[in-house]
Amino acid sequence: MADPIRHGGNLREAARQYGIALGEWLDLSTGISPRAYPVPPVPVDAWRRLPEDADGLAELAARHYDAPGALPVAGSQAAIRALPGLLKRGVAAIAPLTYGEYGPAFERAGHRIVGLDVASADLKDDIDHVIVANPNNPTTERITRDVLLRWHEQLAARGGTLIVDEAFADAYGDSAISLASESGRKGLVVLRSVGKFYGLAGIRAGFVLASEPLLDELSQTLGAWTVSGPARHAVQAAFNDLSWQADTRATLARDSARLAALIRSQGFDPHATPLFVWFETDKAVALQHALATRGIWTRLFEHGELPSLRIGLTGSEEEWARFDEAFNAAVNAVR
């Protein structure tokens, strides 16, 4: 049996390891917004009736993302697992340090995995498919639309597919790099997540933006009722609340900049998205441990050129003050 893929948010594991009660932790190990959308009361019918595709959610999502079409799924993770099996078997290129589920999903479907050079405008001739996060998790890199569309053109010419995971794109609030509006093209798939920016990871909701034939095939593969009635209610409310979206983007940008400034003040070189900050350091293992002994849980990556840490945002001034003190003390402890 293969080793399980590690993710952030594994707070119970941290609580057992460090002997600190679950409720005493400050969990900064994910890129999920700490400022969750305040979902209005769920109608009783959403709990007792089967979800209905004709409730307008897919059409709302298509308008929200400025996409030709959208398929609601149980989080973009569901699509990541299913899509490789719908593509012709071949060579799939994936960045060396990125979301850990991409490679296993393609390998499980019989594809061969190779490294992706995200700095190159041209793909190697033997690459059939590319899956890339934009912005990347955890390194925060953003790839321009021009480069992505060039990759798509090259892949489409050989019958391949470009999958762009835009799970963290909502926090930016602009479509400058998003390929959502181009997702009707054959051989192009865009994934969007509700969990990250809206802070609603627990409802397991996301969307696949792609050509109609591929959306139909994926829908048949995933089966009926992939997104629950309460989740559909929450997403519709969140997508329609434009003022909350604008206010939250401004708050996240401010909080991310403050976190990056704190990390920089200790001599590190942080890279930021509006939802998390990432930095490399040869002290990453020791620093994660030092923070954990203080009840602060962060995400460690050990398979890059250097080990690195990803740190999410705090949700209140009280949490910020606690992290500020703990981070400075932890850095001093490992030097």
C-alpha atoms as a PDB file:
ATOM      1  CA  MET A   1       0.000   0.000   0.000  1.00  0.00           C
ATOM      2  CA  ALA A   2       1.394   3.400  -0.981  1.00  0.00           C
ATOM      3  CA  ASP A   3       2.164   5.950   1.708  1.00  0.00           C
ATOM      4  CA  PRO A   4      -0.682   8.450   2.157  1.00  0.00           C
ATOM      5  CA  ILE A   5      -0.219  11.893   0.630  1.00  0.00           C
ATOM      6  CA  ARG A   6       0.347  14.496   3.318  1.00  0.00           C
ATOM      7  CA  HIS A   7      -1.714  17.673   3.417  1.00  0.00           C
ATOM      8  CA  GLY A   8      -2.068  20.622   5.730  1.00  0.00           C
ATOM      9  CA  GLY A   9      -4.899  20.668   8.242  1.00  0.00           C
ATOM     10  CA  ASN A  10      -3.829  17.416   9.954  1.00  0.00           C
ATOM     11  CA  LEU A  11      -4.315  18.989  13.370  1.00  0.00           C
ATOM     12  CA  ARG A  12      -5.279  15.837  15.250  1.00  0.00           C
ATOM     13  CA  GLU A  13      -1.999  14.256  14.211  1.00  0.00           C
ATOM     14  CA  ALA A  14      -0.128  17.303  15.524  1.00  0.00           C
ATOM     15  CA  ALA A  15      -2.091  17.241  18.783  1.00  0.00           C
ATOM     16  CA  ARG A  16      -1.147  13.594  19.381  1.00  0.00           C
ATOM     17  CA  GLN A  17       2.484  14.157  18.436  1.00  0.00           C
ATOM     18  CA  TYR A  18       3.051  17.178  20.665  1.00  0.00           C
ATOM     19  CA  GLY A  19       0.640  16.434  23.501  1.00  0.00           C
ATOM     20  CA  ILE A  20      -1.236  19.712  23.095  1.00  0.00           C
ATOM     21  CA  ALA A  21      -5.037  19.641  23.270  1.00  0.00           C
ATOM     22  CA  LEU A  22      -6.808  20.104  19.944  1.00  0.00           C
ATOM     23  CA  GLY A  23      -8.546  23.309  21.003  1.00  0.00           C
ATOM     24  CA  GLU A  24      -5.287  24.990  22.006  1.00  0.00           C
ATOM     25  CA  TRP A  25      -3.750  24.978  18.514  1.00  0.00           C
ATOM     26  CA  LEU A  26      -3.534  27.806  16.001  1.00  0.00           C
ATOM     27  CA  ASP A  27      -3.743  25.986  12.669  1.00  0.00           C
ATOM     28  CA  LEU A  28      -1.880  27.875   9.931  1.00  0.00           C
ATOM     29  CA  SER A  29      -1.015  24.752   7.945  1.00  0.00           C
ATOM     30  CA  THR A  30      -3.461  25.284   5.073  1.00  0.00           C
ATOM     31  CA  GLY A  31      -4.064  27.960   2.458  1.00  0.00           C
ATOM     32  CA  ILE A  32      -7.724  28.177   3.430  1.00  0.00           C
ATOM     33  CA  SER A  33      -9.000  31.636   4.297  1.00  0.00           C
ATOM     34  CA  PRO A  34      -9.584  32.132   8.033  1.00  0.00           C
ATOM     35  CA  ARG A  35     -12.398  34.550   7.146  1.00  0.00           C
ATOM     36  CA  ALA A  36     -15.078  32.115   6.060  1.00  0.00           C
ATOM     37  CA  TYR A  37     -18.135  33.290   4.205  1.00  0.00           C
ATOM     38  CA  PRO A  38     -21.061  33.621   6.663  1.00  0.00           C
ATOM     39  CA  VAL A  39     -23.464  31.168   5.062  1.00  0.00           C
ATOM     40  CA  PRO A  40     -27.119  32.125   5.622  1.00  0.00           C
ATOM     41  CA  PRO A  41     -29.450  29.581   7.249  1.00  0.00           C
ATOM     42  CA  VAL A  42     -29.876  26.476   5.121  1.00  0.00           C
ATOM     43  CA  PRO A  43     -33.457  25.811   3.986  1.00  0.00           C
ATOM     44  CA  VAL A  44     -34.963  22.647   5.441  1.00  0.00           C
ATOM     45  CA  ASP A  45     -35.545  21.248   1.952  1.00  0.00           C
ATOM     46  CA  ALA A  46     -31.802  21.363   1.249  1.00  0.00           C
ATOM     47  CA  TRP A  47     -31.313  18.781   3.995  1.00  0.00           C
ATOM     48  CA  ARG A  48     -34.159  16.425   3.180  1.00  0.00           C
ATOM     49  CA  ARG A  49     -34.368  16.505  -0.626  1.00  0.00           C
ATOM     50  CA  LEU A  50     -31.900  15.142  -3.171  1.00  0.00           C
ATOM     51  CA  PRO A  51     -29.839  17.884  -4.853  1.00  0.00           C
ATOM     52  CA  GLU A  52     -31.204  19.027  -8.217  1.00  0.00           C
ATOM     53  CA  ASP A  53     -28.970  19.981 -11.134  1.00  0.00           C
ATOM     54  CA  ALA A  54     -31.639  22.382 -12.383  1.00  0.00           C
ATOM     55  CA  ASP A  55     -31.218  24.767  -9.438  1.00  0.00           C
ATOM     56  CA  GLY A  56     -29.148  27.213 -11.513  1.00  0.00           C
ATOM     57  CA  LEU A  57     -25.819  26.594  -9.752  1.00  0.00           C
ATOM     58  CA  ALA A  58     -23.926  25.578 -12.903  1.00  0.00           C
ATOM     59  CA  GLU A  59     -25.191  28.636 -14.782  1.00  0.00           C
ATOM     60  CA  LEU A  60     -24.334  30.929 -11.858  1.00  0.00           C
ATOM     61  CA  ALA A  61     -20.813  29.497 -11.722  1.00  0.00           C
ATOM     62  CA  ALA A  62     -20.315  29.976 -15.463  1.00  0.00           C
ATOM     63  CA  ARG A  63     -21.264  33.649 -15.105  1.00  0.00           C
ATOM     64  CA  HIS A  64     -19.167  34.022 -11.955  1.00  0.00           C
ATOM     65  CA  TYR A  65     -16.058  32.685 -13.679  1.00  0.00           C
ATOM     66  CA  ASP A  66     -16.876  34.154 -17.115  1.00  0.00           C
ATOM     67  CA  ALA A  67     -16.721  30.637 -18.549  1.00  0.00           C
ATOM     68  CA  PRO A  68     -18.706  28.954 -21.337  1.00  0.00           C
ATOM     69  CA  GLY A  69     -19.798  26.156 -19.024  1.00  0.00           C
ATOM     70  CA  ALA A  70     -19.244  24.766 -15.525  1.00  0.00           C
ATOM     71  CA  LEU A  71     -19.708  21.416 -13.805  1.00  0.00           C
ATOM     72  CA  PRO A  72     -20.199  21.422 -10.006  1.00  0.00           C
ATOM     73  CA  VAL A  73     -18.040  18.790  -8.297  1.00  0.00           C
ATOM     74  CA  ALA A  74     -17.255  17.746  -4.726  1.00  0.00           C
ATOM     75  CA  GLY A  75     -14.202  19.988  -4.561  1.00  0.00           C
ATOM     76  CA  SER A  76     -11.629  20.287  -7.325  1.00  0.00           C
ATOM     77  CA  GLN A  77      -9.937  17.238  -5.766  1.00  0.00           C
ATOM     78  CA  ALA A  78     -12.725  15.041  -7.164  1.00  0.00           C
ATOM     79  CA  ALA A  79     -11.907  16.250 -10.673  1.00  0.00           C
ATOM     80  CA  ILE A  80      -8.164  15.804 -10.162  1.00  0.00           C
ATOM     81  CA  ARG A  81      -8.776  12.134  -9.360  1.00  0.00           C
ATOM     82  CA  ALA A  82     -11.185  11.519 -12.255  1.00  0.00           C
ATOM     83  CA  LEU A  83      -9.835  13.557 -15.171  1.00  0.00           C
ATOM     84  CA  PRO A  84      -6.634  11.579 -15.910  1.00  0.00           C
ATOM     85  CA  GLY A  85      -8.729   8.494 -16.646  1.00  0.00           C
ATOM     86  CA  LEU A  86     -10.612  10.387 -19.362  1.00  0.00           C
ATOM     87  CA  LEU A  87      -7.445  11.421 -21.224  1.00  0.00           C
ATOM     88  CA  LYS A  88      -5.396   9.353 -23.653  1.00  0.00           C
ATOM     89  CA  ARG A  89      -2.565   7.600 -21.855  1.00  0.00           C
ATOM     90  CA  GLY A  90       0.739   9.330 -22.313  1.00  0.00           C
ATOM     91  CA  VAL A  91       3.309  11.538 -20.634  1.00  0.00           C
ATOM     92  CA  ALA A  92       2.065  14.062 -18.070  1.00  0.00           C
ATOM     93  CA  ALA A  93       4.290  16.956 -16.984  1.00  0.00           C
ATOM     94  CA  ILE A  94       3.995  18.257 -13.431  1.00  0.00           C
ATOM     95  CA  ALA A  95       6.067  20.850 -11.547  1.00  0.00           C
ATOM     96  CA  PRO A  96       8.548  19.342  -9.051  1.00  0.00           C
ATOM     97  CA  LEU A  97       7.080  21.165  -6.025  1.00  0.00           C
ATOM     98  CA  THR A  98       3.320  21.535  -6.272  1.00  0.00           C
ATOM     99  CA  TYR A  99       0.065  20.056  -4.962  1.00  0.00           C
ATOM    100  CA  GLY A 100       0.820  16.444  -4.098  1.00  0.00           C
ATOM    101  CA  GLU A 101      -2.295  14.815  -5.571  1.00  0.00           C
ATOM    102  CA  TYR A 102      -1.533  15.508  -9.254  1.00  0.00           C
ATOM    103  CA  GLY A 103       1.156  12.881  -9.814  1.00  0.00           C
ATOM    104  CA  PRO A 104      -0.575   9.941  -8.116  1.00  0.00           C
ATOM    105  CA  ALA A 105      -3.829  10.673  -9.968  1.00  0.00           C
ATOM    106  CA  PHE A 106      -2.105  10.527 -13.358  1.00  0.00           C
ATOM    107  CA  GLU A 107      -0.003   7.495 -12.423  1.00  0.00           C
ATOM    108  CA  ARG A 108      -3.108   5.645 -11.253  1.00  0.00           C
ATOM    109  CA  ALA A 109      -4.625   6.206 -14.703  1.00  0.00           C
ATOM    110  CA  GLY A 110      -1.553   4.771 -16.450  1.00  0.00           C
ATOM    111  CA  HIS A 111       0.290   7.948 -17.416  1.00  0.00           C
ATOM    112  CA  ARG A 112       4.046   8.453 -17.061  1.00  0.00           C
ATOM    113  CA  ILE A 113       5.101  11.491 -15.015  1.00  0.00           C
ATOM    114  CA  VAL A 114       7.912  13.870 -15.969  1.00  0.00           C
ATOM    115  CA  GLY A 115       9.020  17.191 -14.516  1.00  0.00           C
ATOM    116  CA  LEU A 116       7.608  20.455 -15.859  1.00  0.00           C
ATOM    117  CA  ASP A 117       9.875  23.429 -16.495  1.00  0.00           C
ATOM    118  CA  VAL A 118       7.499  26.277 -15.683  1.00  0.00           C
ATOM    119  CA  ALA A 119      10.036  28.845 -16.889  1.00  0.00           C
ATOM    120  CA  SER A 120       9.948  27.550 -20.470  1.00  0.00           C
ATOM    121  CA  ALA A 121       7.493  28.838 -23.075  1.00  0.00           C
ATOM    122  CA  ASP A 122       7.860  25.634 -25.092  1.00  0.00           C
ATOM    123  CA  LEU A 123       7.042  22.111 -24.000  1.00  0.00           C
ATOM    124  CA  LYS A 124       9.145  19.073 -24.862  1.00  0.00           C
ATOM    125  CA  ASP A 125       7.812  17.130 -27.833  1.00  0.00           C
ATOM    126  CA  ASP A 126       7.081  13.981 -25.815  1.00  0.00           C
ATOM    127  CA  ILE A 127       4.722  15.684 -23.344  1.00  0.00           C
ATOM    128  CA  ASP A 128       1.044  14.859 -23.878  1.00  0.00           C
ATOM    129  CA  HIS A 129      -0.570  16.513 -20.875  1.00  0.00           C
ATOM    130  CA  VAL A 130       0.291  19.249 -18.397  1.00  0.00           C
ATOM    131  CA  ILE A 131      -1.348  19.924 -15.053  1.00  0.00           C
ATOM    132  CA  VAL A 132      -0.260  23.108 -13.340  1.00  0.00           C
ATOM    133  CA  ALA A 133      -1.502  25.187 -10.421  1.00  0.00           C
ATOM    134  CA  ASN A 134      -1.808  28.911 -11.084  1.00  0.00           C
ATOM    135  CA  PRO A 135      -0.829  30.367  -8.685  1.00  0.00           C
ATOM    136  CA  ASN A 136       1.234  27.400  -7.614  1.00  0.00           C
ATOM    137  CA  ASN A 137       0.831  25.809  -4.218  1.00  0.00           C
ATOM    138  CA  PRO A 138       3.110  26.205  -2.335  1.00  0.00           C
ATOM    139  CA  THR A 139       5.693  28.250  -4.276  1.00  0.00           C
ATOM    140  CA  THR A 140       3.200  31.030  -5.255  1.00  0.00           C
ATOM    141  CA  GLU A 141       4.487  31.221  -8.862  1.00  0.00           C
ATOM    142  CA  ARG A 142       2.040  32.677 -11.384  1.00  0.00           C
ATOM    143  CA  ILE A 143       2.216  31.781 -15.068  1.00  0.00           C
ATOM    144  CA  THR A 144       1.021  34.321 -17.617  1.00  0.00           C
ATOM    145  CA  ARG A 145      -1.971  33.698 -19.862  1.00  0.00           C
ATOM    146  CA  ASP A 146       0.274  33.988 -22.913  1.00  0.00           C
ATOM    147  CA  VAL A 147       2.505  31.137 -21.758  1.00  0.00           C
ATOM    148  CA  LEU A 148      -0.443  28.965 -20.756  1.00  0.00           C
ATOM    149  CA  LEU A 149      -2.211  29.516 -24.071  1.00  0.00           C
ATOM    150  CA  ARG A 150       1.024  28.693 -25.894  1.00  0.00           C
ATOM    151  CA  TRP A 151       1.273  25.442 -23.934  1.00  0.00           C
ATOM    152  CA  HIS A 152      -2.340  24.661 -24.763  1.00  0.00           C
ATOM    153  CA  GLU A 153      -1.741  25.250 -28.457  1.00  0.00           C
ATOM    154  CA  GLN A 154       1.238  22.889 -28.426  1.00  0.00           C
ATOM    155  CA  LEU A 155      -0.622  20.185 -26.489  1.00  0.00           C
ATOM    156  CA  ALA A 156      -3.834  20.454 -28.503  1.00  0.00           C
ATOM    157  CA  ALA A 157      -1.871  19.979 -31.726  1.00  0.00           C
ATOM    158  CA  ARG A 158      -0.757  16.556 -30.451  1.00  0.00           C
ATOM    159  CA  GLY A 159      -4.141  15.604 -28.974  1.00  0.00           C
ATOM    160  CA  GLY A 160      -3.151  16.466 -25.421  1.00  0.00           C
ATOM    161  CA  THR A 161      -4.703  18.460 -22.607  1.00  0.00           C
ATOM    162  CA  LEU A 162      -3.705  21.374 -20.386  1.00  0.00           C
ATOM    163  CA  ILE A 163      -5.277  21.325 -16.917  1.00  0.00           C
ATOM    164  CA  VAL A 164      -4.930  24.576 -14.971  1.00  0.00           C
ATOM    165  CA  ASP A 165      -5.794  24.365 -11.285  1.00  0.00           C
ATOM    166  CA  GLU A 166      -6.891  27.854 -10.233  1.00  0.00           C
ATOM    167  CA  ALA A 167      -7.836  26.865  -6.679  1.00  0.00           C
ATOM    168  CA  PHE A 168      -6.249  30.001  -5.205  1.00  0.00           C
ATOM    169  CA  ALA A 169      -7.145  32.425  -8.006  1.00  0.00           C
ATOM    170  CA  ASP A 170     -10.349  33.822  -6.463  1.00  0.00           C
ATOM    171  CA  ALA A 171      -8.340  35.689  -3.848  1.00  0.00           C
ATOM    172  CA  TYR A 172      -6.782  37.928  -6.502  1.00  0.00           C
ATOM    173  CA  GLY A 173     -10.111  39.217  -7.778  1.00  0.00           C
ATOM    174  CA  ASP A 174      -9.023  39.745 -11.365  1.00  0.00           C
ATOM    175  CA  SER A 175      -8.964  37.617 -14.479  1.00  0.00           C
ATOM    176  CA  ALA A 176      -5.536  38.737 -15.683  1.00  0.00           C
ATOM    177  CA  ILE A 177      -4.061  35.232 -15.546  1.00  0.00           C
ATOM    178  CA  SER A 178      -7.196  33.075 -15.417  1.00  0.00           C
ATOM    179  CA  LEU A 179      -8.030  30.909 -18.410  1.00  0.00           C
ATOM    180  CA  ALA A 180     -11.660  30.486 -17.352  1.00  0.00           C
ATOM    181  CA  SER A 181     -12.941  32.513 -20.291  1.00  0.00           C
ATOM    182  CA  GLU A 182     -10.994  30.258 -22.688  1.00  0.00           C
ATOM    183  CA  SER A 183     -12.127  26.980 -21.146  1.00  0.00           C
ATOM    184  CA  GLY A 184     -14.451  26.077 -24.000  1.00  0.00           C
ATOM    185  CA  ARG A 185     -11.411  25.153 -26.092  1.00  0.00           C
ATOM    186  CA  LYS A 186     -10.830  21.474 -26.734  1.00  0.00           C
ATOM    187  CA  GLY A 187      -7.927  20.210 -24.659  1.00  0.00           C
ATOM    188  CA  LEU A 188      -8.206  22.902 -21.967  1.00  0.00           C
ATOM    189  CA  VAL A 189      -9.567  22.331 -18.463  1.00  0.00           C
ATOM    190  CA  VAL A 190      -9.729  24.881 -15.645  1.00  0.00           C
ATOM    191  CA  LEU A 191     -10.402  23.843 -12.046  1.00  0.00           C
ATOM    192  CA  ARG A 192     -11.840  26.239  -9.475  1.00  0.00           C
ATOM    193  CA  SER A 193     -12.258  25.734  -5.736  1.00  0.00           C
ATOM    194  CA  VAL A 194     -14.801  27.199  -3.332  1.00  0.00           C
ATOM    195  CA  GLY A 195     -12.939  26.070  -0.229  1.00  0.00           C
ATOM    196  CA  LYS A 196      -9.896  28.333  -0.361  1.00  0.00           C
ATOM    197  CA  PHE A 197     -11.010  31.963  -0.828  1.00  0.00           C
ATOM    198  CA  TYR A 198     -14.468  31.502   0.677  1.00  0.00           C
ATOM    199  CA  GLY A 199     -13.086  29.544   3.638  1.00  0.00           C
ATOM    200  CA  LEU A 200     -15.639  26.775   3.093  1.00  0.00           C
ATOM    201  CA  ALA A 201     -13.403  23.739   2.608  1.00  0.00           C
ATOM    202  CA  GLY A 202     -15.755  21.565   4.637  1.00  0.00           C
ATOM    203  CA  ILE A 203     -18.631  21.787   2.153  1.00  0.00           C
ATOM    204  CA  ARG A 204     -16.485  20.121  -0.562  1.00  0.00           C
ATOM    205  CA  ALA A 205     -17.513  22.184  -3.576  1.00  0.00           C
ATOM    206  CA  GLY A 206     -15.665  23.224  -6.700  1.00  0.00           C
ATOM    207  CA  PHE A 207     -16.122  23.534 -10.442  1.00  0.00           C
ATOM    208  CA  VAL A 208     -14.659  22.164 -13.638  1.00  0.00           C
ATOM    209  CA  LEU A 209     -14.618  24.571 -16.581  1.00  0.00           C
ATOM    210  CA  ALA A 210     -14.115  22.835 -19.923  1.00  0.00           C
ATOM    211  CA  SER A 211     -15.685  22.050 -23.284  1.00  0.00           C
ATOM    212  CA  GLU A 212     -19.216  20.653 -23.199  1.00  0.00           C
ATOM    213  CA  PRO A 213     -18.246  17.140 -24.398  1.00  0.00           C
ATOM    214  CA  LEU A 214     -15.633  16.767 -21.665  1.00  0.00           C
ATOM    215  CA  LEU A 215     -17.976  18.127 -18.992  1.00  0.00           C
ATOM    216  CA  ASP A 216     -20.614  15.612 -20.081  1.00  0.00           C
ATOM    217  CA  GLU A 217     -18.111  12.739 -19.937  1.00  0.00           C
ATOM    218  CA  LEU A 218     -16.831  13.812 -16.527  1.00  0.00           C
ATOM    219  CA  SER A 219     -20.380  14.165 -15.220  1.00  0.00           C
ATOM    220  CA  GLN A 220     -21.154  10.601 -16.299  1.00  0.00           C
ATOM    221  CA  THR A 221     -17.965   9.378 -14.612  1.00  0.00           C
ATOM    222  CA  LEU A 222     -18.638  11.118 -11.297  1.00  0.00           C
ATOM    223  CA  GLY A 223     -22.298  10.151 -11.171  1.00  0.00           C
ATOM    224  CA  ALA A 224     -25.317  11.825  -9.624  1.00  0.00           C
ATOM    225  CA  TRP A 225     -25.526  14.166  -6.625  1.00  0.00           C
ATOM    226  CA  THR A 226     -21.840  15.044  -6.398  1.00  0.00           C
ATOM    227  CA  VAL A 227     -22.519  18.287  -4.495  1.00  0.00           C
ATOM    228  CA  SER A 228     -24.930  18.247  -1.554  1.00  0.00           C
ATOM    229  CA  GLY A 229     -27.973  20.466  -1.228  1.00  0.00           C
ATOM    230  CA  PRO A 230     -26.567  22.491   1.706  1.00  0.00           C
ATOM    231  CA  ALA A 231     -23.294  22.976  -0.186  1.00  0.00           C
ATOM    232  CA  ARG A 232     -25.144  24.210  -3.268  1.00  0.00           C
ATOM    233  CA  HIS A 233     -27.057  26.681  -1.097  1.00  0.00           C
ATOM    234  CA  ALA A 234     -23.818  27.980   0.442  1.00  0.00           C
ATOM    235  CA  VAL A 235     -22.078  28.426  -2.912  1.00  0.00           C
ATOM    236  CA  GLN A 236     -24.996  30.284  -4.464  1.00  0.00           C
ATOM    237  CA  ALA A 237     -25.110  32.701  -1.547  1.00  0.00           C
ATOM    238  CA  ALA A 238     -21.347  33.270  -1.609  1.00  0.00           C
ATOM    239  CA  PHE A 239     -21.160  33.837  -5.374  1.00  0.00           C
ATOM    240  CA  ASN A 240     -23.962  36.408  -5.214  1.00  0.00           C
ATOM    241  CA  ASP A 241     -22.393  38.409  -2.363  1.00  0.00           C
ATOM    242  CA  LEU A 242     -20.105  40.715  -4.346  1.00  0.00           C
ATOM    243  CA  SER A 243     -19.538  43.221  -1.536  1.00  0.00           C
ATOM    244  CA  TRP A 244     -18.315  40.472   0.812  1.00  0.00           C
ATOM    245  CA  GLN A 245     -15.942  39.252  -1.893  1.00  0.00           C
ATOM    246  CA  ALA A 246     -14.429  42.713  -2.426  1.00  0.00           C
ATOM    247  CA  ASP A 247     -14.038  43.413   1.298  1.00  0.00           C
ATOM    248  CA  THR A 248     -12.486  40.007   1.926  1.00  0.00           C
ATOM    249  CA  ARG A 249      -9.974  40.347  -0.906  1.00  0.00           C
ATOM    250  CA  ALA A 250      -8.783  43.648   0.540  1.00  0.00           C
ATOM    251  CA  THR A 251      -8.462  42.160   4.023  1.00  0.00           C
ATOM    252  CA  LEU A 252      -6.594  39.072   2.831  1.00  0.00           C
ATOM    253  CA  ALA A 253      -4.153  41.169   0.786  1.00  0.00           C
ATOM    254  CA  ARG A 254      -3.412  43.336   3.826  1.00  0.00           C
ATOM    255  CA  ASP A 255      -2.981  40.365   6.165  1.00  0.00           C
ATOM    256  CA  SER A 256      -0.774  38.484   3.705  1.00  0.00           C
ATOM    257  CA  ALA A 257       1.495  41.521   3.294  1.00  0.00           C
ATOM    258  CA  ARG A 258       1.800  41.836   7.073  1.00  0.00           C
ATOM    259  CA  LEU A 259       2.705  38.157   7.427  1.00  0.00           C
ATOM    260  CA  ALA A 260       5.312  38.411   4.665  1.00  0.00           C
ATOM    261  CA  ALA A 261       6.816  41.497   6.324  1.00  0.00           C
ATOM    262  CA  LEU A 262       7.169  39.661   9.645  1.00  0.00           C
ATOM    263  CA  ILE A 263       8.881  36.703   7.995  1.00  0.00           C
ATOM    264  CA  ARG A 264      11.151  39.033   6.024  1.00  0.00           C
ATOM    265  CA  SER A 265      12.122  40.869   9.223  1.00  0.00           C
ATOM    266  CA  GLN A 266      13.763  37.654  10.430  1.00  0.00           C
ATOM    267  CA  GLY A 267      15.974  37.436   7.348  1.00  0.00           C
ATOM    268  CA  PHE A 268      13.938  35.037   5.211  1.00  0.00           C
ATOM    269  CA  ASP A 269      12.815  35.581   1.607  1.00  0.00           C
ATOM    270  CA  PRO A 270       9.032  35.076   1.641  1.00  0.00           C
ATOM    271  CA  HIS A 271       6.810  34.604  -1.406  1.00  0.00           C
ATOM    272  CA  ALA A 272       3.143  35.405  -0.926  1.00  0.00           C
ATOM    273  CA  THR A 273      -0.340  34.868  -2.268  1.00  0.00           C
ATOM    274  CA  PRO A 274      -3.322  36.540  -0.578  1.00  0.00           C
ATOM    275  CA  LEU A 275      -3.944  33.267   1.281  1.00  0.00           C
ATOM    276  CA  PHE A 276      -0.519  32.040   2.403  1.00  0.00           C
ATOM    277  CA  VAL A 277       3.189  32.827   2.541  1.00  0.00           C
ATOM    278  CA  TRP A 278       5.941  30.370   1.603  1.00  0.00           C
ATOM    279  CA  PHE A 279       9.695  30.507   2.158  1.00  0.00           C
ATOM    280  CA  GLU A 280      12.700  28.218   1.909  1.00  0.00           C
ATOM    281  CA  THR A 281      15.221  27.755   4.701  1.00  0.00           C
ATOM    282  CA  ASP A 282      17.586  25.029   5.832  1.00  0.00           C
ATOM    283  CA  LYS A 283      16.017  25.545   9.269  1.00  0.00           C
ATOM    284  CA  ALA A 284      12.509  24.618   8.067  1.00  0.00           C
ATOM    285  CA  VAL A 285      12.282  21.310   9.955  1.00  0.00           C
ATOM    286  CA  ALA A 286      13.528  22.820  13.200  1.00  0.00           C
ATOM    287  CA  LEU A 287      11.370  25.909  12.767  1.00  0.00           C
ATOM    288  CA  GLN A 288       8.195  23.901  12.204  1.00  0.00           C
ATOM    289  CA  HIS A 289       9.001  21.896  15.341  1.00  0.00           C
ATOM    290  CA  ALA A 290       9.709  25.023  17.394  1.00  0.00           C
ATOM    291  CA  LEU A 291       6.413  26.556  16.312  1.00  0.00           C
ATOM    292  CA  ALA A 292       4.565  23.314  17.031  1.00  0.00           C
ATOM    293  CA  THR A 293       5.853  23.203  20.609  1.00  0.00           C
ATOM    294  CA  ARG A 294       4.159  26.600  20.954  1.00  0.00           C
ATOM    295  CA  GLY A 295       0.874  25.314  19.543  1.00  0.00           C
ATOM    296  CA  ILE A 296       1.320  26.778  16.049  1.00  0.00           C
ATOM    297  CA  TRP A 297       0.881  24.269  13.211  1.00  0.00           C
ATOM    298  CA  THR A 298       2.449  25.020   9.811  1.00  0.00           C
ATOM    299  CA  ARG A 299       3.039  23.052   6.619  1.00  0.00           C
ATOM    300  CA  LEU A 300       6.515  21.613   6.028  1.00  0.00           C
ATOM    301  CA  PHE A 301       7.821  20.660   2.572  1.00  0.00           C
ATOM    302  CA  GLU A 302      11.009  18.610   2.502  1.00  0.00           C
ATOM    303  CA  HIS A 303      11.273  17.598  -1.176  1.00  0.00           C
ATOM    304  CA  GLY A 304      12.360  20.858  -2.829  1.00  0.00           C
ATOM    305  CA  GLU A 305      15.902  22.103  -3.375  1.00  0.00           C
ATOM    306  CA  LEU A 306      15.684  23.372   0.201  1.00  0.00           C
ATOM    307  CA  PRO A 307      13.112  22.464   2.832  1.00  0.00           C
ATOM    308  CA  SER A 308      10.405  25.080   3.126  1.00  0.00           C
ATOM    309  CA  LEU A 309       7.421  26.235   5.146  1.00  0.00           C
ATOM    310  CA  ARG A 310       3.980  27.406   4.089  1.00  0.00           C
ATOM    311  CA  ILE A 311       2.153  29.542   6.628  1.00  0.00           C
ATOM    312  CA  GLY A 312      -1.492  30.544   6.355  1.00  0.00           C
ATOM    313  CA  LEU A 313      -3.162  33.690   7.647  1.00  0.00           C
ATOM    314  CA  THR A 314      -4.471  34.380  11.125  1.00  0.00           C
ATOM    315  CA  GLY A 315      -8.134  35.268  11.522  1.00  0.00           C
ATOM    316  CA  SER A 316      -8.035  37.868  14.304  1.00  0.00           C
ATOM    317  CA  GLU A 317      -5.732  40.359  16.000  1.00  0.00           C
ATOM    318  CA  GLU A 318      -5.511  38.017  18.995  1.00  0.00           C
ATOM    319  CA  GLU A 319      -4.301  35.197  16.756  1.00  0.00           C
ATOM    320  CA  TRP A 320      -1.872  37.551  15.006  1.00  0.00           C
ATOM    321  CA  ALA A 321      -0.336  38.670  18.304  1.00  0.00           C
ATOM    322  CA  ARG A 322       0.081  35.051  19.346  1.00  0.00           C
ATOM    323  CA  PHE A 323       1.749  34.100  16.072  1.00  0.00           C
ATOM    324  CA  ASP A 324       3.982  37.190  16.044  1.00  0.00           C
ATOM    325  CA  GLU A 325       5.349  36.322  19.482  1.00  0.00           C
ATOM    326  CA  ALA A 326       5.666  32.602  18.741  1.00  0.00           C
ATOM    327  CA  PHE A 327       7.364  33.082  15.373  1.00  0.00           C
ATOM    328  CA  ASN A 328      10.018  35.436  16.708  1.00  0.00           C
ATOM    329  CA  ALA A 329      10.677  33.137  19.665  1.00  0.00           C
ATOM    330  CA  ALA A 330      10.854  30.060  17.420  1.00  0.00           C
ATOM    331  CA  VAL A 331      13.312  31.702  15.014  1.00  0.00           C
ATOM    332  CA  ASN A 332      15.554  32.730  17.894  1.00  0.00           C
ATOM    333  CA  ALA A 333      15.377  29.188  19.290  1.00  0.00           C
ATOM    334  CA  VAL A 334      16.630  27.525  16.091  1.00  0.00           C
ATOM    335  CA  ARG A 335      19.446  29.936  15.278  1.00  0.00           C
END
